[in-house]
N, C-alpha and C. Protein backbone atom coordinates (compact mmCIF):
# COMPACT_ATOMS: atom_id res chain seq x y z
N MET A 1 52.62 142.11 -44.79
CA MET A 1 52.90 140.78 -44.30
C MET A 1 52.97 140.84 -42.77
N THR A 2 52.42 139.85 -42.12
CA THR A 2 52.39 139.84 -40.66
C THR A 2 53.77 139.52 -40.10
N ASP A 3 53.95 139.81 -38.81
CA ASP A 3 55.22 139.53 -38.14
C ASP A 3 55.53 138.03 -38.14
N LYS A 4 54.49 137.21 -37.96
CA LYS A 4 54.72 135.76 -37.95
C LYS A 4 55.21 135.26 -39.30
N LEU A 5 54.64 135.78 -40.37
CA LEU A 5 55.10 135.38 -41.71
C LEU A 5 56.52 135.85 -41.97
N GLU A 6 56.85 137.06 -41.51
CA GLU A 6 58.21 137.56 -41.68
C GLU A 6 59.20 136.72 -40.89
N LYS A 7 58.80 136.33 -39.67
CA LYS A 7 59.68 135.48 -38.85
C LYS A 7 59.90 134.13 -39.54
N TRP A 8 58.80 133.57 -40.09
CA TRP A 8 58.95 132.28 -40.78
C TRP A 8 59.82 132.42 -42.02
N GLN A 9 59.71 133.53 -42.74
CA GLN A 9 60.56 133.74 -43.92
C GLN A 9 62.03 133.73 -43.52
N LYS A 10 62.37 134.35 -42.40
CA LYS A 10 63.76 134.37 -41.94
C LYS A 10 64.22 132.97 -41.54
N LEU A 11 63.35 132.23 -40.85
CA LEU A 11 63.70 130.87 -40.45
C LEU A 11 63.86 129.95 -41.66
N ARG A 12 62.94 130.04 -42.60
CA ARG A 12 62.99 129.16 -43.76
C ARG A 12 64.15 129.49 -44.68
N ALA A 13 64.63 130.75 -44.64
CA ALA A 13 65.78 131.13 -45.45
C ALA A 13 67.05 130.39 -44.99
N LYS A 14 67.08 130.00 -43.72
CA LYS A 14 68.23 129.26 -43.18
C LYS A 14 68.19 127.79 -43.57
N GLY A 15 67.05 127.33 -44.03
CA GLY A 15 66.94 125.96 -44.53
C GLY A 15 66.20 125.02 -43.60
N LYS A 16 65.69 123.96 -44.23
CA LYS A 16 64.90 122.96 -43.51
C LYS A 16 65.73 122.24 -42.45
N TRP A 17 66.93 121.80 -42.81
CA TRP A 17 67.72 121.01 -41.86
C TRP A 17 68.23 121.84 -40.70
N ASN A 18 68.47 123.12 -40.94
CA ASN A 18 68.83 124.01 -39.83
C ASN A 18 67.67 124.11 -38.85
N TYR A 19 66.45 124.27 -39.38
CA TYR A 19 65.26 124.34 -38.53
C TYR A 19 65.08 123.04 -37.75
N ILE A 20 65.22 121.91 -38.43
CA ILE A 20 65.03 120.61 -37.77
C ILE A 20 66.07 120.43 -36.66
N LEU A 21 67.31 120.81 -36.93
CA LEU A 21 68.36 120.66 -35.92
C LEU A 21 68.12 121.57 -34.72
N ILE A 22 67.88 122.84 -34.97
CA ILE A 22 67.74 123.81 -33.87
C ILE A 22 66.45 123.60 -33.10
N TYR A 23 65.33 123.56 -33.79
CA TYR A 23 64.03 123.50 -33.11
C TYR A 23 63.56 122.08 -32.80
N GLY A 24 63.93 121.13 -33.65
CA GLY A 24 63.51 119.75 -33.42
C GLY A 24 64.44 119.00 -32.50
N VAL A 25 65.70 118.83 -32.94
CA VAL A 25 66.66 118.02 -32.18
C VAL A 25 67.05 118.71 -30.88
N LEU A 26 67.54 119.95 -30.98
CA LEU A 26 68.01 120.64 -29.78
C LEU A 26 66.86 121.17 -28.92
N GLY A 27 65.90 121.80 -29.55
CA GLY A 27 64.79 122.38 -28.79
C GLY A 27 63.86 121.36 -28.19
N TRP A 28 63.24 120.57 -29.04
CA TRP A 28 62.27 119.58 -28.54
C TRP A 28 62.97 118.34 -28.01
N GLY A 29 63.89 117.78 -28.78
CA GLY A 29 64.50 116.51 -28.41
C GLY A 29 65.32 116.56 -27.13
N VAL A 30 66.29 117.46 -27.08
CA VAL A 30 67.15 117.55 -25.90
C VAL A 30 66.36 118.09 -24.71
N GLY A 31 65.53 119.10 -24.96
CA GLY A 31 64.73 119.66 -23.87
C GLY A 31 63.80 118.64 -23.23
N THR A 32 63.10 117.90 -24.05
CA THR A 32 62.19 116.87 -23.56
C THR A 32 62.96 115.73 -22.91
N GLY A 33 64.10 115.38 -23.48
CA GLY A 33 64.93 114.33 -22.90
C GLY A 33 65.42 114.68 -21.51
N ILE A 34 65.83 115.92 -21.30
CA ILE A 34 66.27 116.36 -19.97
C ILE A 34 65.11 116.31 -18.98
N LEU A 35 63.96 116.86 -19.39
CA LEU A 35 62.80 116.84 -18.49
C LEU A 35 62.38 115.41 -18.15
N PHE A 36 62.38 114.53 -19.14
CA PHE A 36 62.03 113.13 -18.91
C PHE A 36 63.03 112.48 -17.96
N SER A 37 64.32 112.74 -18.18
CA SER A 37 65.37 112.15 -17.34
C SER A 37 65.26 112.60 -15.89
N LEU A 38 64.84 113.82 -15.67
CA LEU A 38 64.67 114.32 -14.32
C LEU A 38 63.38 113.82 -13.69
N GLY A 39 62.33 113.71 -14.48
CA GLY A 39 61.03 113.31 -13.95
C GLY A 39 60.83 111.82 -13.77
N PHE A 40 61.39 111.01 -14.66
CA PHE A 40 61.17 109.57 -14.62
C PHE A 40 61.63 108.93 -13.31
N PRO A 41 62.84 109.24 -12.81
CA PRO A 41 63.24 108.65 -11.54
C PRO A 41 62.35 109.08 -10.37
N LEU A 42 61.85 110.29 -10.41
CA LEU A 42 60.95 110.75 -9.35
C LEU A 42 59.65 109.96 -9.34
N VAL A 43 59.12 109.71 -10.54
CA VAL A 43 57.86 108.96 -10.66
C VAL A 43 58.07 107.51 -10.24
N THR A 44 59.14 106.89 -10.68
CA THR A 44 59.36 105.48 -10.32
C THR A 44 59.63 105.34 -8.82
N GLU A 45 60.30 106.31 -8.23
CA GLU A 45 60.56 106.27 -6.80
C GLU A 45 59.26 106.43 -6.02
N ALA A 46 58.38 107.28 -6.50
CA ALA A 46 57.08 107.47 -5.85
C ALA A 46 56.24 106.20 -5.93
N MET A 47 56.48 105.37 -6.95
CA MET A 47 55.74 104.12 -7.10
C MET A 47 56.42 102.97 -6.37
N GLY A 48 57.50 103.27 -5.64
CA GLY A 48 58.16 102.24 -4.85
C GLY A 48 59.31 101.56 -5.56
N ASP A 49 59.66 102.00 -6.73
CA ASP A 49 60.78 101.44 -7.49
C ASP A 49 61.84 102.52 -7.62
N LYS A 50 63.01 102.15 -8.05
CA LYS A 50 64.05 103.16 -8.24
C LYS A 50 64.73 102.94 -9.58
N ALA A 51 64.62 103.94 -10.45
CA ALA A 51 65.26 103.88 -11.77
C ALA A 51 66.59 104.62 -11.69
N PRO A 52 67.68 103.99 -12.13
CA PRO A 52 68.97 104.68 -12.11
C PRO A 52 68.98 105.85 -13.10
N PHE A 53 69.55 106.97 -12.66
CA PHE A 53 69.50 108.19 -13.45
C PHE A 53 70.31 108.09 -14.75
N LEU A 54 71.55 107.62 -14.69
CA LEU A 54 72.42 107.65 -15.87
C LEU A 54 71.91 106.84 -17.05
N PRO A 55 71.43 105.60 -16.85
CA PRO A 55 70.89 104.89 -18.02
C PRO A 55 69.65 105.57 -18.61
N VAL A 56 68.81 106.12 -17.74
CA VAL A 56 67.62 106.84 -18.23
C VAL A 56 68.05 108.08 -19.01
N PHE A 57 69.03 108.81 -18.46
CA PHE A 57 69.52 110.01 -19.13
C PHE A 57 70.16 109.67 -20.48
N ALA A 58 71.01 108.64 -20.51
CA ALA A 58 71.68 108.25 -21.75
C ALA A 58 70.66 107.84 -22.81
N GLY A 59 69.71 107.03 -22.43
CA GLY A 59 68.67 106.62 -23.37
C GLY A 59 67.84 107.79 -23.86
N SER A 60 67.53 108.70 -22.95
CA SER A 60 66.75 109.88 -23.31
C SER A 60 67.49 110.78 -24.28
N MET A 61 68.80 110.90 -24.10
CA MET A 61 69.59 111.77 -24.97
C MET A 61 69.83 111.17 -26.35
N VAL A 62 69.44 109.92 -26.52
CA VAL A 62 69.48 109.30 -27.84
C VAL A 62 68.09 109.30 -28.46
N LEU A 63 67.11 108.80 -27.72
CA LEU A 63 65.78 108.60 -28.29
C LEU A 63 65.00 109.90 -28.52
N PHE A 64 65.03 110.80 -27.56
CA PHE A 64 64.26 112.03 -27.74
C PHE A 64 64.81 112.91 -28.86
N PRO A 65 66.11 113.09 -29.00
CA PRO A 65 66.59 113.84 -30.17
C PRO A 65 66.23 113.17 -31.50
N LEU A 66 66.22 111.84 -31.54
CA LEU A 66 65.75 111.18 -32.77
C LEU A 66 64.28 111.52 -33.02
N GLY A 67 63.49 111.52 -31.96
CA GLY A 67 62.10 111.95 -32.09
C GLY A 67 62.01 113.41 -32.49
N GLY A 68 62.98 114.21 -32.06
CA GLY A 68 63.02 115.62 -32.42
C GLY A 68 63.19 115.85 -33.91
N ILE A 69 63.86 114.91 -34.58
CA ILE A 69 63.97 115.00 -36.04
C ILE A 69 62.57 114.91 -36.65
N ALA A 70 61.79 113.94 -36.19
CA ALA A 70 60.42 113.79 -36.71
C ALA A 70 59.56 114.99 -36.33
N TRP A 71 59.70 115.47 -35.10
CA TRP A 71 58.92 116.62 -34.65
C TRP A 71 59.28 117.86 -35.47
N GLY A 72 60.57 118.11 -35.65
CA GLY A 72 61.01 119.27 -36.43
C GLY A 72 60.55 119.20 -37.87
N TYR A 73 60.62 118.00 -38.47
CA TYR A 73 60.17 117.83 -39.85
C TYR A 73 58.67 118.07 -39.97
N GLY A 74 57.92 117.53 -39.02
CA GLY A 74 56.47 117.74 -39.02
C GLY A 74 56.09 119.20 -38.86
N MET A 75 56.79 119.90 -37.98
CA MET A 75 56.52 121.32 -37.78
C MET A 75 56.92 122.13 -39.02
N TRP A 76 58.01 121.74 -39.69
CA TRP A 76 58.42 122.41 -40.92
C TRP A 76 57.31 122.30 -41.96
N ILE A 77 56.79 121.09 -42.13
CA ILE A 77 55.71 120.87 -43.11
C ILE A 77 54.49 121.71 -42.75
N TYR A 78 54.12 121.70 -41.47
CA TYR A 78 52.95 122.47 -41.02
C TYR A 78 53.14 123.96 -41.29
N PHE A 79 54.28 124.52 -40.88
CA PHE A 79 54.51 125.96 -41.05
C PHE A 79 54.65 126.35 -42.52
N GLU A 80 55.19 125.47 -43.33
CA GLU A 80 55.26 125.73 -44.77
C GLU A 80 53.84 125.82 -45.36
N LYS A 81 52.98 124.90 -44.93
CA LYS A 81 51.60 124.90 -45.42
C LYS A 81 50.91 126.20 -45.01
N VAL A 82 51.06 126.60 -43.76
CA VAL A 82 50.46 127.85 -43.28
C VAL A 82 51.02 129.04 -44.05
N TYR A 83 52.32 129.03 -44.26
CA TYR A 83 52.99 130.12 -44.97
C TYR A 83 52.45 130.28 -46.39
N TRP A 84 52.40 129.18 -47.13
CA TRP A 84 51.96 129.26 -48.51
C TRP A 84 50.48 129.59 -48.62
N GLU A 85 49.67 129.13 -47.68
CA GLU A 85 48.25 129.51 -47.68
C GLU A 85 48.11 131.02 -47.43
N ALA A 86 48.90 131.54 -46.50
CA ALA A 86 48.85 132.98 -46.21
C ALA A 86 49.34 133.80 -47.40
N LYS A 87 50.40 133.32 -48.06
CA LYS A 87 50.90 134.02 -49.24
C LYS A 87 49.86 134.03 -50.36
N ALA A 88 49.18 132.91 -50.56
CA ALA A 88 48.14 132.83 -51.59
C ALA A 88 46.99 133.76 -51.25
N SER A 89 46.60 133.80 -49.99
CA SER A 89 45.53 134.67 -49.55
C SER A 89 45.93 136.14 -49.72
N GLU A 90 47.17 136.44 -49.39
CA GLU A 90 47.68 137.80 -49.53
C GLU A 90 47.68 138.23 -51.00
N GLN A 91 48.09 137.33 -51.88
CA GLN A 91 48.11 137.64 -53.31
C GLN A 91 46.70 137.79 -53.85
N ALA A 92 45.80 136.94 -53.38
CA ALA A 92 44.42 137.03 -53.84
C ALA A 92 43.78 138.34 -53.40
N SER A 93 44.06 138.76 -52.18
CA SER A 93 43.48 140.02 -51.72
C SER A 93 44.11 141.21 -52.44
N ALA A 94 45.38 141.11 -52.81
CA ALA A 94 46.03 142.18 -53.55
C ALA A 94 45.44 142.27 -54.96
N ILE A 95 45.19 141.13 -55.57
CA ILE A 95 44.59 141.11 -56.90
C ILE A 95 43.18 141.66 -56.82
N GLY A 96 42.44 141.29 -55.78
CA GLY A 96 41.07 141.77 -55.62
C GLY A 96 41.02 143.27 -55.40
N ALA A 97 42.04 143.82 -54.75
CA ALA A 97 42.08 145.27 -54.49
C ALA A 97 42.35 146.04 -55.77
N GLU A 98 43.02 145.40 -56.73
CA GLU A 98 43.35 146.08 -57.97
C GLU A 98 42.20 146.09 -58.97
N LYS A 99 41.26 145.15 -58.84
CA LYS A 99 40.14 145.06 -59.78
C LYS A 99 39.16 146.20 -59.51
N PRO A 100 38.65 146.80 -60.55
CA PRO A 100 37.64 147.85 -60.34
C PRO A 100 36.34 147.21 -59.87
N ASP A 101 35.64 147.96 -59.06
CA ASP A 101 34.35 147.48 -58.53
C ASP A 101 33.30 147.60 -59.64
N PRO A 102 32.67 146.47 -60.04
CA PRO A 102 31.70 146.51 -61.15
C PRO A 102 30.42 147.27 -60.77
N ASP A 103 30.15 147.41 -59.48
CA ASP A 103 28.93 148.10 -59.06
C ASP A 103 29.12 149.61 -58.97
N ALA A 104 30.34 150.07 -59.14
CA ALA A 104 30.60 151.52 -58.97
C ALA A 104 30.20 152.30 -60.18
């Protein structure tokens, strides 16, 4: 089994909602919200307007973590699909290795 599959097995053993919380809400949601909160006022100021930091930050810390739930769930589904395809391929190759070669 590859290192990536082993890593996914450890992550999936902790559960779907743990993955969504850690990687989706905290990782993607909060991380993206902070970057957006820091970048948005700079962009609006460069365009001649001024966005207040605290309302942008507060909104970002609500909306982006909610988006992180969707992102984490989508990534869970994607990695589960990859995992099960790899497991099926691994089993198929193991079965194929056990069959005698008919041309031998």
